[in-house]
Amino acid sequence: MQPWYLIENEADYQRATDRYEAIREAERGSLDFKEKQLLAVLINHYEESLWEMPDVDPIEFIKIRMEEFGYKASDLAKEYGDKGTVSKVLNYKQALSLTMIRKFSKLLRIPVEALSKEYTLQ
């Protein structure tokens, strides 16, 4: 087990989340399981520090995270499965569905609560 420290940047975050995924199924009581628990705390702490952002609507939050991760609308469409609907949502023509909220929360590492806020359609 390698030593872990507070996550301070996106590179550390990516390394931690990759390692977490690799040991996600670790057997309770094992060293990997203890490492997984530690990583969960470190990842959560880092994510919470990121989410102390100005209050923005869910669509703007999605666009910010897309830019941070280098994603395009087509990447979200691959995750969701419908390019037209994703386009409508990103252009404030259609509201986020519960399925979109769940998928985009995981993909973009945005808390579900931030994506479920009310916002105005055009």
C-alpha atoms as a PDB file:
ATOM      1  CA  MET A   1       0.000   0.000   0.000  1.00  0.00           C
ATOM      2  CA  GLN A   2       1.405   3.357  -1.006  1.00  0.00           C
ATOM      3  CA  PRO A   3       1.221   6.329   1.341  1.00  0.00           C
ATOM      4  CA  TRP A   4      -1.713   8.680   0.735  1.00  0.00           C
ATOM      5  CA  TYR A   5      -1.926  12.365   1.580  1.00  0.00           C
ATOM      6  CA  LEU A   6      -4.582  15.031   1.202  1.00  0.00           C
ATOM      7  CA  ILE A   7      -5.628  15.403  -2.421  1.00  0.00           C
ATOM      8  CA  GLU A   8      -4.579  18.852  -3.599  1.00  0.00           C
ATOM      9  CA  ASN A   9      -5.051  18.825  -7.370  1.00  0.00           C
ATOM     10  CA  GLU A  10      -6.759  17.077 -10.262  1.00  0.00           C
ATOM     11  CA  ALA A  11      -3.782  14.754 -10.898  1.00  0.00           C
ATOM     12  CA  ASP A  12      -3.847  13.504  -7.279  1.00  0.00           C
ATOM     13  CA  TYR A  13      -7.613  13.160  -7.527  1.00  0.00           C
ATOM     14  CA  GLN A  14      -7.389  11.083 -10.699  1.00  0.00           C
ATOM     15  CA  ARG A  15      -4.729   8.822  -9.176  1.00  0.00           C
ATOM     16  CA  ALA A  16      -6.857   8.336  -6.050  1.00  0.00           C
ATOM     17  CA  THR A  17     -10.070   7.606  -7.951  1.00  0.00           C
ATOM     18  CA  ASP A  18      -8.261   5.182 -10.276  1.00  0.00           C
ATOM     19  CA  ARG A  19      -6.830   3.323  -7.283  1.00  0.00           C
ATOM     20  CA  TYR A  20     -10.208   3.334  -5.540  1.00  0.00           C
ATOM     21  CA  GLU A  21     -11.830   1.752  -8.598  1.00  0.00           C
ATOM     22  CA  ALA A  22      -9.062  -0.869  -8.739  1.00  0.00           C
ATOM     23  CA  ILE A  23      -9.680  -1.977  -5.133  1.00  0.00           C
ATOM     24  CA  ARG A  24     -13.396  -1.249  -4.881  1.00  0.00           C
ATOM     25  CA  GLU A  25     -14.245  -4.922  -4.361  1.00  0.00           C
ATOM     26  CA  ALA A  26     -11.574  -5.478  -1.683  1.00  0.00           C
ATOM     27  CA  GLU A  27     -12.382  -8.017   0.989  1.00  0.00           C
ATOM     28  CA  ARG A  28     -13.406  -6.545   4.345  1.00  0.00           C
ATOM     29  CA  GLY A  29     -10.503  -6.567   6.799  1.00  0.00           C
ATOM     30  CA  SER A  30      -7.802  -6.657   4.120  1.00  0.00           C
ATOM     31  CA  LEU A  31      -5.166  -3.940   3.653  1.00  0.00           C
ATOM     32  CA  ASP A  32      -6.787  -3.047   0.330  1.00  0.00           C
ATOM     33  CA  PHE A  33     -10.110  -2.593   2.117  1.00  0.00           C
ATOM     34  CA  LYS A  34      -8.510  -0.233   4.637  1.00  0.00           C
ATOM     35  CA  GLU A  35      -6.848   1.655   1.780  1.00  0.00           C
ATOM     36  CA  LYS A  36     -10.225   1.880   0.024  1.00  0.00           C
ATOM     37  CA  GLN A  37     -11.803   3.394   3.150  1.00  0.00           C
ATOM     38  CA  LEU A  38      -9.015   5.959   3.425  1.00  0.00           C
ATOM     39  CA  LEU A  39      -9.315   6.849  -0.257  1.00  0.00           C
ATOM     40  CA  ALA A  40     -13.070   7.319   0.115  1.00  0.00           C
ATOM     41  CA  VAL A  41     -12.460   9.896   2.860  1.00  0.00           C
ATOM     42  CA  LEU A  42      -9.718  11.681   0.888  1.00  0.00           C
ATOM     43  CA  ILE A  43     -11.754  11.738  -2.324  1.00  0.00           C
ATOM     44  CA  ASN A  44     -14.840  12.991  -0.498  1.00  0.00           C
ATOM     45  CA  HIS A  45     -12.838  15.752   1.205  1.00  0.00           C
ATOM     46  CA  TYR A  46     -11.386  16.924  -2.107  1.00  0.00           C
ATOM     47  CA  GLU A  47     -14.759  16.822  -3.882  1.00  0.00           C
ATOM     48  CA  GLU A  48     -16.404  18.821  -1.112  1.00  0.00           C
ATOM     49  CA  SER A  49     -13.692  21.474  -1.397  1.00  0.00           C
ATOM     50  CA  LEU A  50     -14.411  21.739  -5.128  1.00  0.00           C
ATOM     51  CA  TRP A  51     -18.122  22.035  -4.600  1.00  0.00           C
ATOM     52  CA  GLU A  52     -17.769  25.172  -2.528  1.00  0.00           C
ATOM     53  CA  MET A  53     -18.414  27.073  -5.734  1.00  0.00           C
ATOM     54  CA  PRO A  54     -20.613  30.032  -6.504  1.00  0.00           C
ATOM     55  CA  ASP A  55     -24.261  29.076  -6.712  1.00  0.00           C
ATOM     56  CA  VAL A  56     -24.867  28.100 -10.343  1.00  0.00           C
ATOM     57  CA  ASP A  57     -27.756  26.304 -11.981  1.00  0.00           C
ATOM     58  CA  PRO A  58     -27.342  22.606 -12.795  1.00  0.00           C
ATOM     59  CA  ILE A  59     -26.761  23.141 -16.519  1.00  0.00           C
ATOM     60  CA  GLU A  60     -24.035  25.706 -15.903  1.00  0.00           C
ATOM     61  CA  PHE A  61     -22.447  23.319 -13.389  1.00  0.00           C
ATOM     62  CA  ILE A  62     -22.484  20.557 -16.018  1.00  0.00           C
ATOM     63  CA  LYS A  63     -20.847  22.877 -18.563  1.00  0.00           C
ATOM     64  CA  ILE A  64     -18.148  23.900 -16.074  1.00  0.00           C
ATOM     65  CA  ARG A  65     -17.308  20.277 -15.278  1.00  0.00           C
ATOM     66  CA  MET A  66     -17.371  19.331 -18.974  1.00  0.00           C
ATOM     67  CA  GLU A  67     -14.765  22.008 -19.605  1.00  0.00           C
ATOM     68  CA  GLU A  68     -12.656  20.873 -16.633  1.00  0.00           C
ATOM     69  CA  PHE A  69     -12.656  17.263 -17.861  1.00  0.00           C
ATOM     70  CA  GLY A  70     -12.368  18.163 -21.543  1.00  0.00           C
ATOM     71  CA  TYR A  71     -15.726  16.593 -22.396  1.00  0.00           C
ATOM     72  CA  LYS A  72     -18.001  17.549 -25.264  1.00  0.00           C
ATOM     73  CA  ALA A  73     -21.757  17.121 -25.568  1.00  0.00           C
ATOM     74  CA  SER A  74     -21.080  13.933 -27.536  1.00  0.00           C
ATOM     75  CA  ASP A  75     -19.349  12.440 -24.475  1.00  0.00           C
ATOM     76  CA  LEU A  76     -22.457  13.092 -22.403  1.00  0.00           C
ATOM     77  CA  ALA A  77     -24.587  11.613 -25.192  1.00  0.00           C
ATOM     78  CA  LYS A  78     -22.497   8.428 -25.121  1.00  0.00           C
ATOM     79  CA  GLU A  79     -23.133   8.162 -21.392  1.00  0.00           C
ATOM     80  CA  TYR A  80     -26.853   8.932 -21.663  1.00  0.00           C
ATOM     81  CA  GLY A  81     -27.556   7.405 -25.054  1.00  0.00           C
ATOM     82  CA  ASP A  82     -29.460  10.212 -26.792  1.00  0.00           C
ATOM     83  CA  LYS A  83     -27.612  13.091 -28.448  1.00  0.00           C
ATOM     84  CA  GLY A  84     -30.767  15.100 -29.206  1.00  0.00           C
ATOM     85  CA  THR A  85     -31.976  15.084 -25.623  1.00  0.00           C
ATOM     86  CA  VAL A  86     -28.537  16.048 -24.284  1.00  0.00           C
ATOM     87  CA  SER A  87     -28.450  18.960 -26.729  1.00  0.00           C
ATOM     88  CA  LYS A  88     -31.908  20.132 -25.618  1.00  0.00           C
ATOM     89  CA  VAL A  89     -30.890  19.932 -21.961  1.00  0.00           C
ATOM     90  CA  LEU A  90     -27.624  21.842 -22.492  1.00  0.00           C
ATOM     91  CA  ASN A  91     -29.565  24.540 -24.354  1.00  0.00           C
ATOM     92  CA  TYR A  92     -32.203  24.875 -21.596  1.00  0.00           C
ATOM     93  CA  LYS A  93     -34.952  23.462 -23.852  1.00  0.00           C
ATOM     94  CA  GLN A  94     -35.610  20.368 -21.738  1.00  0.00           C
ATOM     95  CA  ALA A  95     -35.165  19.596 -18.038  1.00  0.00           C
ATOM     96  CA  LEU A  96     -32.707  17.048 -16.723  1.00  0.00           C
ATOM     97  CA  SER A  97     -34.313  13.655 -16.135  1.00  0.00           C
ATOM     98  CA  LEU A  98     -33.584  11.567 -13.048  1.00  0.00           C
ATOM     99  CA  THR A  99     -31.589   9.149 -15.206  1.00  0.00           C
ATOM    100  CA  MET A 100     -29.494  12.021 -16.597  1.00  0.00           C
ATOM    101  CA  ILE A 101     -28.882  13.390 -13.117  1.00  0.00           C
ATOM    102  CA  ARG A 102     -27.613  10.020 -11.919  1.00  0.00           C
ATOM    103  CA  LYS A 103     -25.409   9.384 -14.953  1.00  0.00           C
ATOM    104  CA  PHE A 104     -23.990  12.905 -15.206  1.00  0.00           C
ATOM    105  CA  SER A 105     -23.377  13.043 -11.457  1.00  0.00           C
ATOM    106  CA  LYS A 106     -21.181   9.974 -11.715  1.00  0.00           C
ATOM    107  CA  LEU A 107     -19.478  10.957 -14.987  1.00  0.00           C
ATOM    108  CA  LEU A 108     -18.775  14.570 -14.023  1.00  0.00           C
ATOM    109  CA  ARG A 109     -18.384  13.986 -10.287  1.00  0.00           C
ATOM    110  CA  ILE A 110     -21.113  16.432  -9.381  1.00  0.00           C
ATOM    111  CA  PRO A 111     -23.289  15.805  -6.319  1.00  0.00           C
ATOM    112  CA  VAL A 112     -26.822  14.731  -7.190  1.00  0.00           C
ATOM    113  CA  GLU A 113     -28.137  17.560  -5.004  1.00  0.00           C
ATOM    114  CA  ALA A 114     -26.414  20.146  -7.235  1.00  0.00           C
ATOM    115  CA  LEU A 115     -28.020  18.678 -10.358  1.00  0.00           C
ATOM    116  CA  SER A 116     -31.484  18.401  -8.868  1.00  0.00           C
ATOM    117  CA  LYS A 117     -31.844  22.136  -8.134  1.00  0.00           C
ATOM    118  CA  GLU A 118     -34.622  23.981  -9.915  1.00  0.00           C
ATOM    119  CA  TYR A 119     -33.695  26.093 -12.925  1.00  0.00           C
ATOM    120  CA  THR A 120     -35.535  27.948 -15.668  1.00  0.00           C
ATOM    121  CA  LEU A 121     -36.016  26.538 -19.154  1.00  0.00           C
ATOM    122  CA  GLN A 122     -36.084  28.822 -22.179  1.00  0.00           C
END
